[in-house]
Amino acid sequence: MIPDDDPSRSLTVAAPDDRDTTYVSLVGNTYAMLVTGDRTDGRYCLIEMHVPDGGGPPPHRHDFEEMFTILEGEIEFTFRGEKHTVRAGSTVNIPANAPHHFRNVSGAPARMLCMCTPAGQDEYFMRIGDVVAGKDAPDPELTEDEAAERRRLAAELAPVYRSEFL
C-alpha cells in the first residue's frame, strides 16, 4: 500500500544559476549543490560538477550508489581498474562499494550531473570544500598548510560519510 502524501515536503526546482544554489570548490573542481539531502528526506542528492581539463578525484569507494550524466566533455572513468571513456549524453552508474575514480580528458572543462543515493555526499563536500560565489568563481588561493588541512579533514571525515580513499 502506498503511504499518504506528506504535505510537509515541497516541490524542488533546481536551477544552477539560482541565487540560492551553493557552490563548493574542491580539489580544483566546482560543485553546485542542486538538490541536497535535506530537500529529499535523505533519499538522494544531485550535484552539478564543473571539472577542469585533467581534473577529478583520487581513487576511492563508498557504500552508496553514484550516477553521473555527462553534459559536456569527455570523462575517463576508472572502474575496478578498467578505464572507460564516456562522452556527453551518456550516463554511468557506479555500484556501491566499487573502487573508482574519474578524470576529465576533454582538453577543455567538462560538466556533469552526479546523483548519490542515499544523500550524504553533498554534506561531505560542504564540510571539506570551500564555498565560492559561483560556478565560474576562481578557486580559493590556499596556503600549503590550508591545503594540507583540507586533505586531513577529507581523510578524517571520509568514514563518517561512508567513504574510503584507496
N, C-alpha and C. Protein backbone atom coordinates (compact mmCIF):
# COMPACT_ATOMS: atom_id res chain seq x y z
N MET A 1 0.84 -1.18 0.00
CA MET A 1 0.00 0.00 0.00
C MET A 1 0.89 1.25 0.00
N ILE A 2 0.53 2.22 -0.78
CA ILE A 2 1.30 3.46 -0.87
C ILE A 2 0.91 4.37 0.29
N PRO A 3 1.91 4.91 1.02
CA PRO A 3 1.60 5.81 2.14
C PRO A 3 0.93 7.09 1.66
N ASP A 4 0.27 7.79 2.58
CA ASP A 4 -0.35 9.07 2.27
C ASP A 4 0.73 10.07 1.87
N ASP A 5 0.32 11.08 1.12
CA ASP A 5 1.19 12.19 0.74
C ASP A 5 1.68 12.89 2.01
N ASP A 6 2.92 13.35 1.98
CA ASP A 6 3.49 14.09 3.10
C ASP A 6 3.52 15.57 2.72
N PRO A 7 2.53 16.35 3.14
CA PRO A 7 2.45 17.76 2.74
C PRO A 7 3.58 18.62 3.31
N SER A 8 4.36 18.08 4.24
CA SER A 8 5.48 18.87 4.77
C SER A 8 6.63 18.92 3.78
N ARG A 9 6.61 18.03 2.76
CA ARG A 9 7.65 18.04 1.72
C ARG A 9 7.13 18.83 0.54
N SER A 10 7.99 19.70 0.00
CA SER A 10 7.56 20.57 -1.09
C SER A 10 8.27 20.22 -2.39
N LEU A 11 7.74 20.76 -3.47
CA LEU A 11 8.34 20.62 -4.79
C LEU A 11 9.70 21.31 -4.77
N THR A 12 10.70 20.68 -5.39
CA THR A 12 12.02 21.29 -5.53
C THR A 12 12.28 21.52 -7.01
N VAL A 13 12.62 22.74 -7.35
CA VAL A 13 13.04 23.08 -8.70
C VAL A 13 14.48 23.57 -8.58
N ALA A 14 15.39 22.88 -9.26
CA ALA A 14 16.81 23.21 -9.16
C ALA A 14 17.30 23.84 -10.45
N ALA A 15 17.87 25.02 -10.32
CA ALA A 15 18.46 25.71 -11.47
C ALA A 15 19.87 26.13 -11.06
N PRO A 16 20.88 25.74 -11.83
CA PRO A 16 22.25 26.02 -11.42
C PRO A 16 22.56 27.50 -11.26
N ASP A 17 21.82 28.37 -11.94
CA ASP A 17 22.08 29.81 -11.81
C ASP A 17 21.17 30.47 -10.78
N ASP A 18 20.41 29.68 -10.03
CA ASP A 18 19.56 30.20 -8.97
C ASP A 18 20.45 30.84 -7.90
N ARG A 19 20.07 31.98 -7.41
CA ARG A 19 20.90 32.67 -6.42
C ARG A 19 21.02 31.90 -5.11
N ASP A 20 20.14 30.95 -4.87
CA ASP A 20 20.22 30.15 -3.65
C ASP A 20 21.11 28.91 -3.79
N THR A 21 21.62 28.64 -4.98
CA THR A 21 22.50 27.49 -5.19
C THR A 21 23.83 27.73 -4.50
N THR A 22 24.28 26.74 -3.75
CA THR A 22 25.58 26.82 -3.09
C THR A 22 26.61 26.15 -3.98
N TYR A 23 27.74 26.84 -4.18
CA TYR A 23 28.84 26.33 -4.98
C TYR A 23 30.01 26.04 -4.06
N VAL A 24 30.63 24.88 -4.27
CA VAL A 24 31.75 24.46 -3.44
C VAL A 24 32.96 24.16 -4.33
N SER A 25 34.10 24.73 -3.96
CA SER A 25 35.35 24.44 -4.64
C SER A 25 36.03 23.31 -3.88
N LEU A 26 36.41 22.28 -4.64
CA LEU A 26 37.03 21.11 -4.01
C LEU A 26 38.02 20.50 -5.00
N VAL A 27 39.27 20.43 -4.61
CA VAL A 27 40.38 19.90 -5.41
C VAL A 27 40.36 20.40 -6.86
N GLY A 28 40.09 21.68 -7.03
CA GLY A 28 40.11 22.26 -8.37
C GLY A 28 38.81 22.17 -9.13
N ASN A 29 37.85 21.43 -8.62
CA ASN A 29 36.53 21.31 -9.24
C ASN A 29 35.57 22.27 -8.55
N THR A 30 34.49 22.64 -9.23
CA THR A 30 33.44 23.44 -8.60
C THR A 30 32.14 22.64 -8.67
N TYR A 31 31.52 22.46 -7.51
CA TYR A 31 30.31 21.65 -7.41
C TYR A 31 29.13 22.54 -7.01
N ALA A 32 28.06 22.50 -7.81
CA ALA A 32 26.82 23.21 -7.50
C ALA A 32 25.89 22.23 -6.80
N MET A 33 25.49 22.55 -5.58
CA MET A 33 24.60 21.70 -4.81
C MET A 33 23.16 21.98 -5.26
N LEU A 34 22.70 21.23 -6.26
CA LEU A 34 21.39 21.49 -6.86
C LEU A 34 20.24 21.01 -5.99
N VAL A 35 20.30 19.75 -5.55
CA VAL A 35 19.26 19.19 -4.69
C VAL A 35 19.98 18.46 -3.56
N THR A 36 19.86 18.99 -2.37
CA THR A 36 20.56 18.41 -1.22
C THR A 36 19.66 17.42 -0.48
N GLY A 37 20.29 16.61 0.33
CA GLY A 37 19.56 15.59 1.08
C GLY A 37 18.50 16.15 2.00
N ASP A 38 18.68 17.39 2.45
CA ASP A 38 17.66 17.96 3.32
C ASP A 38 16.37 18.26 2.55
N ARG A 39 16.44 18.33 1.21
CA ARG A 39 15.25 18.54 0.38
C ARG A 39 14.59 17.22 -0.02
N THR A 40 15.30 16.10 0.12
CA THR A 40 14.78 14.80 -0.33
C THR A 40 14.58 13.82 0.82
N ASP A 41 14.57 14.35 2.03
CA ASP A 41 14.45 13.49 3.22
C ASP A 41 15.57 12.46 3.23
N GLY A 42 16.75 12.85 2.72
CA GLY A 42 17.93 11.98 2.73
C GLY A 42 17.95 10.90 1.66
N ARG A 43 16.97 10.89 0.78
CA ARG A 43 16.88 9.82 -0.22
C ARG A 43 17.97 9.90 -1.29
N TYR A 44 18.32 11.12 -1.73
CA TYR A 44 19.37 11.30 -2.73
C TYR A 44 19.82 12.75 -2.71
N CYS A 45 20.91 13.03 -3.40
CA CYS A 45 21.35 14.40 -3.65
C CYS A 45 21.76 14.49 -5.11
N LEU A 46 21.69 15.70 -5.66
CA LEU A 46 22.07 15.94 -7.05
C LEU A 46 23.04 17.11 -7.09
N ILE A 47 24.22 16.87 -7.67
CA ILE A 47 25.29 17.86 -7.71
C ILE A 47 25.71 18.06 -9.16
N GLU A 48 25.80 19.32 -9.59
CA GLU A 48 26.36 19.62 -10.90
C GLU A 48 27.85 19.85 -10.70
N MET A 49 28.66 19.08 -11.43
CA MET A 49 30.11 19.15 -11.28
C MET A 49 30.74 19.84 -12.48
N HIS A 50 31.54 20.85 -12.21
CA HIS A 50 32.34 21.54 -13.22
C HIS A 50 33.77 21.08 -12.98
N VAL A 51 34.33 20.34 -13.94
CA VAL A 51 35.63 19.70 -13.78
C VAL A 51 36.59 20.24 -14.83
N PRO A 52 37.71 20.86 -14.40
CA PRO A 52 38.66 21.37 -15.39
C PRO A 52 39.36 20.23 -16.12
N ASP A 53 39.95 20.55 -17.26
CA ASP A 53 40.71 19.54 -18.00
C ASP A 53 41.75 18.91 -17.08
N GLY A 54 41.77 17.59 -17.05
CA GLY A 54 42.71 16.86 -16.20
C GLY A 54 42.23 16.69 -14.77
N GLY A 55 41.12 17.33 -14.39
CA GLY A 55 40.63 17.28 -13.02
C GLY A 55 39.85 16.01 -12.71
N GLY A 56 39.71 15.75 -11.43
CA GLY A 56 38.96 14.61 -10.94
C GLY A 56 39.48 14.17 -9.59
N PRO A 57 38.74 13.34 -8.88
CA PRO A 57 39.12 12.91 -7.54
C PRO A 57 40.13 11.76 -7.56
N PRO A 58 40.77 11.50 -6.42
CA PRO A 58 41.65 10.33 -6.32
C PRO A 58 40.81 9.05 -6.26
N PRO A 59 41.43 7.89 -6.43
CA PRO A 59 40.70 6.62 -6.30
C PRO A 59 40.03 6.51 -4.93
N HIS A 60 38.81 6.03 -4.95
CA HIS A 60 38.03 5.91 -3.72
C HIS A 60 36.90 4.90 -3.93
N ARG A 61 36.16 4.67 -2.86
CA ARG A 61 34.95 3.86 -2.93
C ARG A 61 34.04 4.28 -1.78
N HIS A 62 32.78 3.94 -1.88
CA HIS A 62 31.82 4.30 -0.84
C HIS A 62 30.64 3.34 -0.90
N ASP A 63 29.88 3.30 0.18
CA ASP A 63 28.80 2.31 0.25
C ASP A 63 27.46 2.86 -0.21
N PHE A 64 27.47 3.78 -1.16
CA PHE A 64 26.23 4.29 -1.74
C PHE A 64 26.37 4.33 -3.26
N GLU A 65 25.25 4.33 -3.95
CA GLU A 65 25.23 4.38 -5.41
C GLU A 65 25.56 5.80 -5.88
N GLU A 66 26.25 5.88 -7.00
CA GLU A 66 26.62 7.17 -7.58
C GLU A 66 26.40 7.09 -9.09
N MET A 67 25.62 8.04 -9.61
CA MET A 67 25.33 8.04 -11.03
C MET A 67 25.73 9.39 -11.63
N PHE A 68 26.41 9.33 -12.77
CA PHE A 68 26.89 10.53 -13.45
C PHE A 68 26.25 10.61 -14.83
N THR A 69 25.76 11.78 -15.21
CA THR A 69 25.33 12.06 -16.57
C THR A 69 26.25 13.15 -17.10
N ILE A 70 26.97 12.82 -18.17
CA ILE A 70 27.92 13.76 -18.75
C ILE A 70 27.15 14.76 -19.61
N LEU A 71 27.26 16.04 -19.29
CA LEU A 71 26.56 17.09 -20.03
C LEU A 71 27.45 17.73 -21.09
N GLU A 72 28.72 17.91 -20.76
CA GLU A 72 29.70 18.49 -21.68
C GLU A 72 31.04 17.83 -21.44
N GLY A 73 31.74 17.49 -22.51
CA GLY A 73 33.09 16.97 -22.40
C GLY A 73 33.17 15.46 -22.46
N GLU A 74 34.34 14.97 -22.07
CA GLU A 74 34.67 13.54 -22.06
C GLU A 74 35.32 13.21 -20.73
N ILE A 75 34.79 12.21 -20.07
CA ILE A 75 35.30 11.81 -18.76
C ILE A 75 35.79 10.37 -18.86
N GLU A 76 36.99 10.14 -18.35
CA GLU A 76 37.54 8.78 -18.28
C GLU A 76 37.28 8.25 -16.87
N PHE A 77 36.42 7.25 -16.78
CA PHE A 77 36.13 6.59 -15.51
C PHE A 77 37.02 5.37 -15.39
N THR A 78 37.68 5.23 -14.26
CA THR A 78 38.40 4.01 -13.96
C THR A 78 37.56 3.27 -12.93
N PHE A 79 37.04 2.13 -13.34
CA PHE A 79 36.11 1.33 -12.53
C PHE A 79 36.73 -0.05 -12.33
N ARG A 80 37.01 -0.37 -11.07
CA ARG A 80 37.66 -1.64 -10.73
C ARG A 80 38.90 -1.86 -11.58
N GLY A 81 39.65 -0.78 -11.81
CA GLY A 81 40.92 -0.85 -12.53
C GLY A 81 40.83 -0.76 -14.03
N GLU A 82 39.62 -0.79 -14.58
CA GLU A 82 39.44 -0.73 -16.03
C GLU A 82 38.97 0.66 -16.46
N LYS A 83 39.58 1.22 -17.52
CA LYS A 83 39.26 2.57 -17.97
C LYS A 83 38.14 2.55 -19.01
N HIS A 84 37.22 3.51 -18.88
CA HIS A 84 36.09 3.67 -19.81
C HIS A 84 35.96 5.16 -20.11
N THR A 85 36.05 5.55 -21.37
CA THR A 85 35.87 6.94 -21.75
C THR A 85 34.42 7.17 -22.11
N VAL A 86 33.82 8.16 -21.47
CA VAL A 86 32.39 8.41 -21.60
C VAL A 86 32.20 9.85 -22.10
N ARG A 87 31.37 10.00 -23.12
CA ARG A 87 31.15 11.31 -23.74
C ARG A 87 29.81 11.92 -23.34
N ALA A 88 29.68 13.21 -23.62
CA ALA A 88 28.45 13.95 -23.32
C ALA A 88 27.23 13.19 -23.85
N GLY A 89 26.20 13.16 -23.04
CA GLY A 89 24.96 12.47 -23.39
C GLY A 89 24.85 11.10 -22.74
N SER A 90 25.97 10.58 -22.22
CA SER A 90 25.97 9.24 -21.61
C SER A 90 25.81 9.34 -20.10
N THR A 91 25.34 8.24 -19.53
CA THR A 91 25.17 8.12 -18.08
C THR A 91 25.93 6.91 -17.60
N VAL A 92 26.58 7.04 -16.45
CA VAL A 92 27.36 5.98 -15.84
C VAL A 92 26.85 5.76 -14.43
N ASN A 93 26.63 4.52 -14.04
CA ASN A 93 26.26 4.20 -12.66
C ASN A 93 27.41 3.45 -12.01
N ILE A 94 27.84 3.92 -10.86
CA ILE A 94 28.88 3.26 -10.08
C ILE A 94 28.19 2.54 -8.92
N PRO A 95 28.23 1.21 -8.90
CA PRO A 95 27.60 0.48 -7.81
C PRO A 95 28.29 0.76 -6.47
N ALA A 96 27.54 0.68 -5.42
CA ALA A 96 28.09 0.85 -4.07
C ALA A 96 29.27 -0.09 -3.86
N ASN A 97 30.27 0.39 -3.16
CA ASN A 97 31.46 -0.35 -2.72
C ASN A 97 32.52 -0.58 -3.79
N ALA A 98 32.25 -0.23 -5.04
CA ALA A 98 33.20 -0.48 -6.13
C ALA A 98 34.29 0.59 -6.16
N PRO A 99 35.56 0.18 -6.27
CA PRO A 99 36.63 1.17 -6.40
C PRO A 99 36.55 1.88 -7.75
N HIS A 100 36.73 3.22 -7.71
CA HIS A 100 36.61 4.00 -8.93
C HIS A 100 37.24 5.38 -8.75
N HIS A 101 37.41 6.07 -9.85
CA HIS A 101 37.71 7.49 -9.90
C HIS A 101 37.48 7.96 -11.32
N PHE A 102 37.54 9.26 -11.53
CA PHE A 102 37.34 9.78 -12.88
C PHE A 102 38.31 10.93 -13.13
N ARG A 103 38.50 11.20 -14.43
CA ARG A 103 39.38 12.29 -14.85
C ARG A 103 38.81 12.89 -16.13
N ASN A 104 38.82 14.22 -16.20
CA ASN A 104 38.38 14.91 -17.40
C ASN A 104 39.48 14.81 -18.44
N VAL A 105 39.19 14.18 -19.58
CA VAL A 105 40.16 14.00 -20.67
C VAL A 105 39.73 14.78 -21.91
N SER A 106 38.92 15.82 -21.73
CA SER A 106 38.33 16.57 -22.84
C SER A 106 39.28 17.52 -23.54
N GLY A 107 40.28 17.99 -22.82
CA GLY A 107 41.08 19.08 -23.36
C GLY A 107 40.40 20.42 -23.11
N ALA A 108 39.29 20.42 -22.39
CA ALA A 108 38.51 21.61 -22.05
C ALA A 108 37.71 21.28 -20.79
N PRO A 109 37.12 22.27 -20.14
CA PRO A 109 36.30 21.97 -18.97
C PRO A 109 35.15 21.02 -19.32
N ALA A 110 34.77 20.19 -18.37
CA ALA A 110 33.64 19.27 -18.53
C ALA A 110 32.59 19.59 -17.47
N ARG A 111 31.39 19.13 -17.75
CA ARG A 111 30.28 19.37 -16.83
C ARG A 111 29.45 18.10 -16.78
N MET A 112 29.06 17.72 -15.56
CA MET A 112 28.22 16.52 -15.41
C MET A 112 27.35 16.65 -14.18
N LEU A 113 26.28 15.87 -14.18
CA LEU A 113 25.42 15.74 -13.01
C LEU A 113 25.83 14.49 -12.26
N CYS A 114 25.83 14.58 -10.95
CA CYS A 114 26.14 13.43 -10.10
C CYS A 114 25.01 13.27 -9.10
N MET A 115 24.38 12.09 -9.12
CA MET A 115 23.34 11.79 -8.15
C MET A 115 23.84 10.68 -7.24
N CYS A 116 23.73 10.89 -5.94
CA CYS A 116 24.12 9.89 -4.95
C CYS A 116 22.89 9.49 -4.16
N THR A 117 22.76 8.18 -3.97
CA THR A 117 21.63 7.69 -3.19
C THR A 117 22.09 6.60 -2.23
N PRO A 118 21.85 6.77 -0.93
CA PRO A 118 21.19 7.93 -0.32
C PRO A 118 22.09 9.16 -0.32
N ALA A 119 21.52 10.28 0.12
CA ALA A 119 22.27 11.54 0.19
C ALA A 119 23.37 11.43 1.25
N GLY A 120 24.22 12.42 1.25
CA GLY A 120 25.32 12.49 2.22
C GLY A 120 26.57 13.06 1.58
N GLN A 121 26.78 12.74 0.31
CA GLN A 121 27.96 13.25 -0.38
C GLN A 121 27.91 14.78 -0.46
N ASP A 122 26.72 15.33 -0.61
CA ASP A 122 26.55 16.78 -0.63
C ASP A 122 27.05 17.40 0.67
N GLU A 123 26.67 16.82 1.78
CA GLU A 123 27.10 17.32 3.10
C GLU A 123 28.61 17.17 3.27
N TYR A 124 29.15 16.04 2.84
CA TYR A 124 30.60 15.80 2.92
C TYR A 124 31.35 16.88 2.14
N PHE A 125 30.94 17.13 0.90
CA PHE A 125 31.60 18.16 0.09
C PHE A 125 31.52 19.53 0.75
N MET A 126 30.37 19.85 1.36
CA MET A 126 30.22 21.14 2.03
C MET A 126 31.17 21.26 3.22
N ARG A 127 31.44 20.15 3.89
CA ARG A 127 32.30 20.19 5.07
C ARG A 127 33.79 20.25 4.73
N ILE A 128 34.18 19.69 3.57
CA ILE A 128 35.61 19.63 3.27
C ILE A 128 36.05 20.64 2.20
N GLY A 129 35.10 21.24 1.49
CA GLY A 129 35.43 22.20 0.44
C GLY A 129 35.27 23.63 0.91
N ASP A 130 35.41 24.54 -0.03
CA ASP A 130 35.28 25.97 0.25
C ASP A 130 34.12 26.53 -0.56
N VAL A 131 33.18 27.19 0.09
CA VAL A 131 32.07 27.82 -0.62
C VAL A 131 32.63 28.97 -1.45
N VAL A 132 32.20 29.03 -2.71
CA VAL A 132 32.62 30.09 -3.63
C VAL A 132 31.38 30.78 -4.20
N ALA A 133 31.60 31.92 -4.85
CA ALA A 133 30.49 32.77 -5.30
C ALA A 133 29.67 32.18 -6.44
N GLY A 134 30.25 31.31 -7.26
CA GLY A 134 29.50 30.75 -8.39
C GLY A 134 30.34 29.76 -9.16
N LYS A 135 29.75 29.21 -10.22
CA LYS A 135 30.42 28.15 -10.98
C LYS A 135 31.69 28.64 -11.67
N ASP A 136 31.76 29.93 -11.96
CA ASP A 136 32.94 30.48 -12.63
C ASP A 136 33.89 31.19 -11.67
N ALA A 137 33.60 31.12 -10.38
CA ALA A 137 34.47 31.78 -9.39
C ALA A 137 35.84 31.10 -9.36
N PRO A 138 36.89 31.87 -9.15
CA PRO A 138 38.21 31.25 -9.06
C PRO A 138 38.32 30.38 -7.81
N ASP A 139 39.16 29.36 -7.89
CA ASP A 139 39.42 28.54 -6.71
C ASP A 139 40.05 29.42 -5.64
N PRO A 140 39.74 29.16 -4.38
CA PRO A 140 40.39 29.94 -3.33
C PRO A 140 41.90 29.67 -3.35
N GLU A 141 42.66 30.69 -3.07
CA GLU A 141 44.12 30.53 -3.01
C GLU A 141 44.48 30.06 -1.61
N LEU A 142 44.78 28.77 -1.49
CA LEU A 142 45.10 28.19 -0.19
C LEU A 142 46.60 28.13 0.01
N THR A 143 47.02 28.36 1.23
CA THR A 143 48.43 28.16 1.55
C THR A 143 48.68 26.66 1.58
N GLU A 144 49.93 26.27 1.60
CA GLU A 144 50.27 24.85 1.68
C GLU A 144 49.67 24.22 2.94
N ASP A 145 49.70 24.96 4.05
CA ASP A 145 49.13 24.46 5.30
C ASP A 145 47.62 24.31 5.21
N GLU A 146 46.94 25.27 4.56
CA GLU A 146 45.49 25.18 4.41
C GLU A 146 45.11 24.00 3.51
N ALA A 147 45.86 23.78 2.43
CA ALA A 147 45.58 22.65 1.55
C ALA A 147 45.80 21.33 2.30
N ALA A 148 46.85 21.27 3.09
CA ALA A 148 47.12 20.06 3.90
C ALA A 148 45.99 19.83 4.90
N GLU A 149 45.46 20.89 5.47
CA GLU A 149 44.36 20.77 6.43
C GLU A 149 43.11 20.25 5.73
N ARG A 150 42.83 20.70 4.50
CA ARG A 150 41.68 20.19 3.74
C ARG A 150 41.82 18.69 3.49
N ARG A 151 43.03 18.26 3.09
CA ARG A 151 43.27 16.83 2.85
C ARG A 151 43.11 16.02 4.14
N ARG A 152 43.61 16.56 5.24
CA ARG A 152 43.49 15.87 6.54
C ARG A 152 42.01 15.73 6.91
N LEU A 153 41.26 16.81 6.77
CA LEU A 153 39.84 16.79 7.11
C LEU A 153 39.07 15.82 6.21
N ALA A 154 39.39 15.81 4.92
CA ALA A 154 38.73 14.88 3.99
C ALA A 154 38.97 13.44 4.42
N ALA A 155 40.20 13.11 4.79
CA ALA A 155 40.53 11.74 5.23
C ALA A 155 39.85 11.42 6.56
N GLU A 156 39.83 12.38 7.46
CA GLU A 156 39.21 12.16 8.77
C GLU A 156 37.71 11.94 8.67
N LEU A 157 37.04 12.72 7.80
CA LEU A 157 35.58 12.63 7.70
C LEU A 157 35.10 11.54 6.73
N ALA A 158 35.99 11.01 5.90
CA ALA A 158 35.57 10.00 4.91
C ALA A 158 34.77 8.86 5.55
N PRO A 159 35.25 8.25 6.65
CA PRO A 159 34.46 7.14 7.22
C PRO A 159 33.08 7.59 7.74
N VAL A 160 32.98 8.82 8.22
CA VAL A 160 31.71 9.35 8.69
C VAL A 160 30.70 9.38 7.55
N TYR A 161 31.20 9.66 6.34
CA TYR A 161 30.34 9.73 5.16
C TYR A 161 30.44 8.47 4.29
N ARG A 162 30.80 7.36 4.93
CA ARG A 162 30.78 6.02 4.32
C ARG A 162 31.67 5.93 3.09
N SER A 163 32.83 6.63 3.13
CA SER A 163 33.77 6.65 2.00
C SER A 163 35.15 6.22 2.45
N GLU A 164 35.94 5.80 1.47
CA GLU A 164 37.32 5.35 1.74
C GLU A 164 38.19 5.73 0.55
N PHE A 165 39.33 6.39 0.84
CA PHE A 165 40.31 6.68 -0.22
C PHE A 165 41.20 5.46 -0.38
N LEU A 166 41.57 5.15 -1.61
CA LEU A 166 42.38 3.96 -1.89
C LEU A 166 43.80 4.34 -2.27
